[in-house]
Amino acid sequence: MKIFKHLEDTNEDYFTHMQQSLSISLKMFKGSFYAFTHAFIPNLFEKNASNICRDIVENVSKRTNA
């Protein structure tokens, strides 16, 4: 099993892939916070989590379909 096969498949070097993964992770963390808060206070963050999810899907789709 090649350890870095995924990097070859994505055509990214280690640090570029790390940056992209951390960026997605931060967006997911923020989206999770918004969704959690919205569950208890529905007037707050009405569309924030959905917008973040949509943004992540668009960005990942662009990277994988390039």
PDB file of N, CA and C in Angstrom:
ATOM      1  N   MET A   1       0.837  -1.188   0.000  1.00  0.00           N
ATOM      2  CA  MET A   1       0.000   0.000   0.000  1.00  0.00           C
ATOM      3  C   MET A   1       0.876   1.243   0.000  1.00  0.00           C
ATOM      4  N   LYS A   2       0.627   2.106  -0.968  1.00  0.00           N
ATOM      5  CA  LYS A   2       1.388   3.353  -1.035  1.00  0.00           C
ATOM      6  C   LYS A   2       0.797   4.369  -0.066  1.00  0.00           C
ATOM      7  N   ILE A   3       1.628   4.934   0.763  1.00  0.00           N
ATOM      8  CA  ILE A   3       1.168   5.894   1.761  1.00  0.00           C
ATOM      9  C   ILE A   3       0.639   7.161   1.098  1.00  0.00           C
ATOM     10  N   PHE A   4       1.270   7.601   0.045  1.00  0.00           N
ATOM     11  CA  PHE A   4       0.898   8.874  -0.573  1.00  0.00           C
ATOM     12  C   PHE A   4       0.142   8.708  -1.882  1.00  0.00           C
ATOM     13  N   LYS A   5      -0.482   7.549  -2.081  1.00  0.00           N
ATOM     14  CA  LYS A   5      -1.246   7.334  -3.307  1.00  0.00           C
ATOM     15  C   LYS A   5      -2.340   8.376  -3.472  1.00  0.00           C
ATOM     16  N   HIS A   6      -3.003   8.721  -2.380  1.00  0.00           N
ATOM     17  CA  HIS A   6      -4.073   9.722  -2.448  1.00  0.00           C
ATOM     18  C   HIS A   6      -3.540  11.055  -2.966  1.00  0.00           C
ATOM     19  N   LEU A   7      -2.340  11.421  -2.551  1.00  0.00           N
ATOM     20  CA  LEU A   7      -1.747  12.668  -3.046  1.00  0.00           C
ATOM     21  C   LEU A   7      -1.491  12.591  -4.543  1.00  0.00           C
ATOM     22  N   GLU A   8      -1.049  11.444  -5.011  1.00  0.00           N
ATOM     23  CA  GLU A   8      -0.863  11.252  -6.452  1.00  0.00           C
ATOM     24  C   GLU A   8      -2.195  11.348  -7.178  1.00  0.00           C
ATOM     25  N   ASP A   9      -3.235  10.730  -6.603  1.00  0.00           N
ATOM     26  CA  ASP A   9      -4.566  10.754  -7.219  1.00  0.00           C
ATOM     27  C   ASP A   9      -5.129  12.161  -7.304  1.00  0.00           C
ATOM     28  N   THR A  10      -4.832  12.984  -6.303  1.00  0.00           N
ATOM     29  CA  THR A  10      -5.351  14.359  -6.289  1.00  0.00           C
ATOM     30  C   THR A  10      -4.409  15.333  -6.978  1.00  0.00           C
ATOM     31  N   ASN A  11      -3.230  14.854  -7.347  1.00  0.00           N
ATOM     32  CA  ASN A  11      -2.218  15.677  -8.009  1.00  0.00           C
ATOM     33  C   ASN A  11      -1.844  16.885  -7.151  1.00  0.00           C
ATOM     34  N   GLU A  12      -1.657  16.647  -5.852  1.00  0.00           N
ATOM     35  CA  GLU A  12      -1.282  17.698  -4.918  1.00  0.00           C
ATOM     36  C   GLU A  12      -0.062  17.267  -4.132  1.00  0.00           C
ATOM     37  N   ASP A  13       0.747  18.252  -3.743  1.00  0.00           N
ATOM     38  CA  ASP A  13       1.840  17.915  -2.845  1.00  0.00           C
ATOM     39  C   ASP A  13       1.301  17.877  -1.417  1.00  0.00           C
ATOM     40  N   TYR A  14       2.123  17.408  -0.507  1.00  0.00           N
ATOM     41  CA  TYR A  14       1.701  17.185   0.871  1.00  0.00           C
ATOM     42  C   TYR A  14       1.139  18.453   1.515  1.00  0.00           C
ATOM     43  N   PHE A  15       1.847  19.574   1.385  1.00  0.00           N
ATOM     44  CA  PHE A  15       1.442  20.794   2.077  1.00  0.00           C
ATOM     45  C   PHE A  15       0.227  21.457   1.433  1.00  0.00           C
ATOM     46  N   THR A  16       0.087  21.359   0.124  1.00  0.00           N
ATOM     47  CA  THR A  16      -1.126  21.867  -0.533  1.00  0.00           C
ATOM     48  C   THR A  16      -2.329  21.073  -0.065  1.00  0.00           C
ATOM     49  N   HIS A  17      -2.177  19.757  -0.020  1.00  0.00           N
ATOM     50  CA  HIS A  17      -3.273  18.906   0.432  1.00  0.00           C
ATOM     51  C   HIS A  17      -3.610  19.192   1.894  1.00  0.00           C
ATOM     52  N   MET A  18      -2.587  19.403   2.710  1.00  0.00           N
ATOM     53  CA  MET A  18      -2.815  19.727   4.115  1.00  0.00           C
ATOM     54  C   MET A  18      -3.586  21.035   4.244  1.00  0.00           C
ATOM     55  N   GLN A  19      -3.193  22.037   3.485  1.00  0.00           N
ATOM     56  CA  GLN A  19      -3.869  23.334   3.526  1.00  0.00           C
ATOM     57  C   GLN A  19      -5.333  23.197   3.121  1.00  0.00           C
ATOM     58  N   GLN A  20      -5.589  22.464   2.047  1.00  0.00           N
ATOM     59  CA  GLN A  20      -6.963  22.278   1.582  1.00  0.00           C
ATOM     60  C   GLN A  20      -7.790  21.521   2.617  1.00  0.00           C
ATOM     61  N   SER A  21      -7.224  20.476   3.187  1.00  0.00           N
ATOM     62  CA  SER A  21      -7.939  19.676   4.181  1.00  0.00           C
ATOM     63  C   SER A  21      -8.222  20.471   5.445  1.00  0.00           C
ATOM     64  N   LEU A  22      -7.267  21.255   5.893  1.00  0.00           N
ATOM     65  CA  LEU A  22      -7.483  22.078   7.081  1.00  0.00           C
ATOM     66  C   LEU A  22      -8.523  23.163   6.826  1.00  0.00           C
ATOM     67  N   SER A  23      -8.520  23.717   5.634  1.00  0.00           N
ATOM     68  CA  SER A  23      -9.513  24.721   5.274  1.00  0.00           C
ATOM     69  C   SER A  23     -10.926  24.128   5.324  1.00  0.00           C
ATOM     70  N   ILE A  24     -11.083  22.948   4.754  1.00  0.00           N
ATOM     71  CA  ILE A  24     -12.386  22.269   4.783  1.00  0.00           C
ATOM     72  C   ILE A  24     -12.770  21.935   6.227  1.00  0.00           C
ATOM     73  N   SER A  25     -11.806  21.475   7.006  1.00  0.00           N
ATOM     74  CA  SER A  25     -12.067  21.135   8.399  1.00  0.00           C
ATOM     75  C   SER A  25     -12.558  22.355   9.177  1.00  0.00           C
ATOM     76  N   LEU A  26     -11.937  23.498   8.972  1.00  0.00           N
ATOM     77  CA  LEU A  26     -12.353  24.721   9.666  1.00  0.00           C
ATOM     78  C   LEU A  26     -13.765  25.119   9.255  1.00  0.00           C
ATOM     79  N   LYS A  27     -14.062  25.027   7.966  1.00  0.00           N
ATOM     80  CA  LYS A  27     -15.416  25.348   7.504  1.00  0.00           C
ATOM     81  C   LYS A  27     -16.438  24.405   8.123  1.00  0.00           C
ATOM     82  N   MET A  28     -16.106  23.118   8.213  1.00  0.00           N
ATOM     83  CA  MET A  28     -17.014  22.150   8.823  1.00  0.00           C
ATOM     84  C   MET A  28     -17.218  22.451  10.308  1.00  0.00           C
ATOM     85  N   PHE A  29     -16.153  22.835  10.976  1.00  0.00           N
ATOM     86  CA  PHE A  29     -16.244  23.184  12.393  1.00  0.00           C
ATOM     87  C   PHE A  29     -17.189  24.375  12.577  1.00  0.00           C
ATOM     88  N   LYS A  30     -17.014  25.408  11.745  1.00  0.00           N
ATOM     89  CA  LYS A  30     -17.900  26.565  11.826  1.00  0.00           C
ATOM     90  C   LYS A  30     -19.339  26.180  11.520  1.00  0.00           C
ATOM     91  N   GLY A  31     -19.541  25.376  10.489  1.00  0.00           N
ATOM     92  CA  GLY A  31     -20.883  24.931  10.136  1.00  0.00           C
ATOM     93  C   GLY A  31     -21.524  24.135  11.253  1.00  0.00           C
ATOM     94  N   SER A  32     -20.741  23.313  11.910  1.00  0.00           N
ATOM     95  CA  SER A  32     -21.235  22.530  13.035  1.00  0.00           C
ATOM     96  C   SER A  32     -21.663  23.441  14.177  1.00  0.00           C
ATOM     97  N   PHE A  33     -20.856  24.448  14.458  1.00  0.00           N
ATOM     98  CA  PHE A  33     -21.209  25.414  15.499  1.00  0.00           C
ATOM     99  C   PHE A  33     -22.520  26.112  15.162  1.00  0.00           C
ATOM    100  N   TYR A  34     -22.646  26.567  13.916  1.00  0.00           N
ATOM    101  CA  TYR A  34     -23.872  27.260  13.502  1.00  0.00           C
ATOM    102  C   TYR A  34     -25.089  26.339  13.620  1.00  0.00           C
ATOM    103  N   ALA A  35     -24.968  25.116  13.151  1.00  0.00           N
ATOM    104  CA  ALA A  35     -26.096  24.179  13.196  1.00  0.00           C
ATOM    105  C   ALA A  35     -26.464  23.844  14.643  1.00  0.00           C
ATOM    106  N   PHE A  36     -25.470  23.637  15.480  1.00  0.00           N
ATOM    107  CA  PHE A  36     -25.718  23.323  16.886  1.00  0.00           C
ATOM    108  C   PHE A  36     -26.434  24.477  17.576  1.00  0.00           C
ATOM    109  N   THR A  37     -25.944  25.690  17.352  1.00  0.00           N
ATOM    110  CA  THR A  37     -26.559  26.868  17.960  1.00  0.00           C
ATOM    111  C   THR A  37     -27.978  27.067  17.429  1.00  0.00           C
ATOM    112  N   HIS A  38     -28.146  26.901  16.144  1.00  0.00           N
ATOM    113  CA  HIS A  38     -29.460  27.055  15.512  1.00  0.00           C
ATOM    114  C   HIS A  38     -30.476  26.060  16.076  1.00  0.00           C
ATOM    115  N   ALA A  39     -30.032  24.889  16.451  1.00  0.00           N
ATOM    116  CA  ALA A  39     -30.941  23.879  17.002  1.00  0.00           C
ATOM    117  C   ALA A  39     -31.626  24.385  18.271  1.00  0.00           C
ATOM    118  N   PHE A  40     -30.906  25.180  19.053  1.00  0.00           N
ATOM    119  CA  PHE A  40     -31.453  25.684  20.310  1.00  0.00           C
ATOM    120  C   PHE A  40     -32.063  27.077  20.184  1.00  0.00           C
ATOM    121  N   ILE A  41     -31.538  27.866  19.260  1.00  0.00           N
ATOM    122  CA  ILE A  41     -32.039  29.229  19.049  1.00  0.00           C
ATOM    123  C   ILE A  41     -32.304  29.391  17.549  1.00  0.00           C
ATOM    124  N   PRO A  42     -33.477  28.971  17.098  1.00  0.00           N
ATOM    125  CA  PRO A  42     -33.762  28.910  15.661  1.00  0.00           C
ATOM    126  C   PRO A  42     -33.640  30.231  14.899  1.00  0.00           C
ATOM    127  N   ASN A  43     -33.746  31.350  15.580  1.00  0.00           N
ATOM    128  CA  ASN A  43     -33.616  32.634  14.878  1.00  0.00           C
ATOM    129  C   ASN A  43     -32.168  32.975  14.542  1.00  0.00           C
ATOM    130  N   LEU A  44     -31.228  32.276  15.129  1.00  0.00           N
ATOM    131  CA  LEU A  44     -29.814  32.525  14.841  1.00  0.00           C
ATOM    132  C   LEU A  44     -29.310  31.577  13.752  1.00  0.00           C
ATOM    133  N   PHE A  45     -28.448  32.097  12.907  1.00  0.00           N
ATOM    134  CA  PHE A  45     -27.735  31.290  11.906  1.00  0.00           C
ATOM    135  C   PHE A  45     -28.690  30.452  11.056  1.00  0.00           C
ATOM    136  N   GLU A  46     -29.735  31.080  10.551  1.00  0.00           N
ATOM    137  CA  GLU A  46     -30.771  30.349   9.808  1.00  0.00           C
ATOM    138  C   GLU A  46     -30.251  29.644   8.562  1.00  0.00           C
ATOM    139  N   LYS A  47     -29.279  30.227   7.884  1.00  0.00           N
ATOM    140  CA  LYS A  47     -28.792  29.626   6.631  1.00  0.00           C
ATOM    141  C   LYS A  47     -27.282  29.404   6.611  1.00  0.00           C
ATOM    142  N   ASN A  48     -26.615  29.758   7.689  1.00  0.00           N
ATOM    143  CA  ASN A  48     -25.154  29.696   7.690  1.00  0.00           C
ATOM    144  C   ASN A  48     -24.613  28.289   7.442  1.00  0.00           C
ATOM    145  N   ALA A  49     -25.142  27.295   8.159  1.00  0.00           N
ATOM    146  CA  ALA A  49     -24.636  25.923   8.009  1.00  0.00           C
ATOM    147  C   ALA A  49     -24.897  25.404   6.596  1.00  0.00           C
ATOM    148  N   SER A  50     -26.077  25.689   6.059  1.00  0.00           N
ATOM    149  CA  SER A  50     -26.402  25.249   4.697  1.00  0.00           C
ATOM    150  C   SER A  50     -25.485  25.903   3.675  1.00  0.00           C
ATOM    151  N   ASN A  51     -25.214  27.186   3.858  1.00  0.00           N
ATOM    152  CA  ASN A  51     -24.330  27.895   2.933  1.00  0.00           C
ATOM    153  C   ASN A  51     -22.910  27.333   2.987  1.00  0.00           C
ATOM    154  N   ILE A  52     -22.443  27.005   4.176  1.00  0.00           N
ATOM    155  CA  ILE A  52     -21.101  26.428   4.308  1.00  0.00           C
ATOM    156  C   ILE A  52     -21.048  25.056   3.634  1.00  0.00           C
ATOM    157  N   CYS A  53     -22.065  24.237   3.840  1.00  0.00           N
ATOM    158  CA  CYS A  53     -22.110  22.918   3.185  1.00  0.00           C
ATOM    159  C   CYS A  53     -22.068  23.068   1.667  1.00  0.00           C
ATOM    160  N   ARG A  54     -22.850  23.970   1.155  1.00  0.00           N
ATOM    161  CA  ARG A  54     -22.901  24.210  -0.288  1.00  0.00           C
ATOM    162  C   ARG A  54     -21.538  24.669  -0.807  1.00  0.00           C
ATOM    163  N   ASP A  55     -20.895  25.556  -0.060  1.00  0.00           N
ATOM    164  CA  ASP A  55     -19.573  26.057  -0.439  1.00  0.00           C
ATOM    165  C   ASP A  55     -18.537  24.930  -0.472  1.00  0.00           C
ATOM    166  N   ILE A  56     -18.563  24.068   0.530  1.00  0.00           N
ATOM    167  CA  ILE A  56     -17.619  22.951   0.578  1.00  0.00           C
ATOM    168  C   ILE A  56     -17.828  22.026  -0.617  1.00  0.00           C
ATOM    169  N   VAL A  57     -19.079  21.678  -0.898  1.00  0.00           N
ATOM    170  CA  VAL A  57     -19.374  20.781  -2.020  1.00  0.00           C
ATOM    171  C   VAL A  57     -18.904  21.396  -3.335  1.00  0.00           C
ATOM    172  N   GLU A  58     -19.179  22.681  -3.539  1.00  0.00           N
ATOM    173  CA  GLU A  58     -18.745  23.351  -4.773  1.00  0.00           C
ATOM    174  C   GLU A  58     -17.237  23.337  -4.913  1.00  0.00           C
ATOM    175  N   ASN A  59     -16.536  23.673  -3.832  1.00  0.00           N
ATOM    176  CA  ASN A  59     -15.080  23.729  -3.903  1.00  0.00           C
ATOM    177  C   ASN A  59     -14.446  22.360  -4.110  1.00  0.00           C
ATOM    178  N   VAL A  60     -14.949  21.349  -3.442  1.00  0.00           N
ATOM    179  CA  VAL A  60     -14.391  20.003  -3.611  1.00  0.00           C
ATOM    180  C   VAL A  60     -14.704  19.482  -5.018  1.00  0.00           C
ATOM    181  N   SER A  61     -15.897  19.775  -5.510  1.00  0.00           N
ATOM    182  CA  SER A  61     -16.268  19.339  -6.869  1.00  0.00           C
ATOM    183  C   SER A  61     -15.344  19.972  -7.912  1.00  0.00           C
ATOM    184  N   LYS A  62     -15.027  21.237  -7.737  1.00  0.00           N
ATOM    185  CA  LYS A  62     -14.123  21.916  -8.677  1.00  0.00           C
ATOM    186  C   LYS A  62     -12.742  21.272  -8.665  1.00  0.00           C
ATOM    187  N   ARG A  63     -12.261  20.909  -7.474  1.00  0.00           N
ATOM    188  CA  ARG A  63     -10.931  20.332  -7.348  1.00  0.00           C
ATOM    189  C   ARG A  63     -10.875  18.929  -7.933  1.00  0.00           C
ATOM    190  N   THR A  64     -11.936  18.148  -7.734  1.00  0.00           N
ATOM    191  CA  THR A  64     -11.893  16.753  -8.186  1.00  0.00           C
ATOM    192  C   THR A  64     -12.258  16.611  -9.654  1.00  0.00           C
ATOM    193  N   ASN A  65     -12.952  17.609 -10.211  1.00  0.00           N
ATOM    194  CA  ASN A  65     -13.344  17.551 -11.617  1.00  0.00           C
ATOM    195  C   ASN A  65     -12.424  18.348 -12.520  1.00  0.00           C
ATOM    196  N   ALA A  66     -11.382  18.925 -11.948  1.00  0.00           N
ATOM    197  CA  ALA A  66     -10.472  19.752 -12.742  1.00  0.00           C
ATOM    198  C   ALA A  66      -9.580  18.907 -13.612  1.00  0.00           C
TER     199      ALA A  66
END
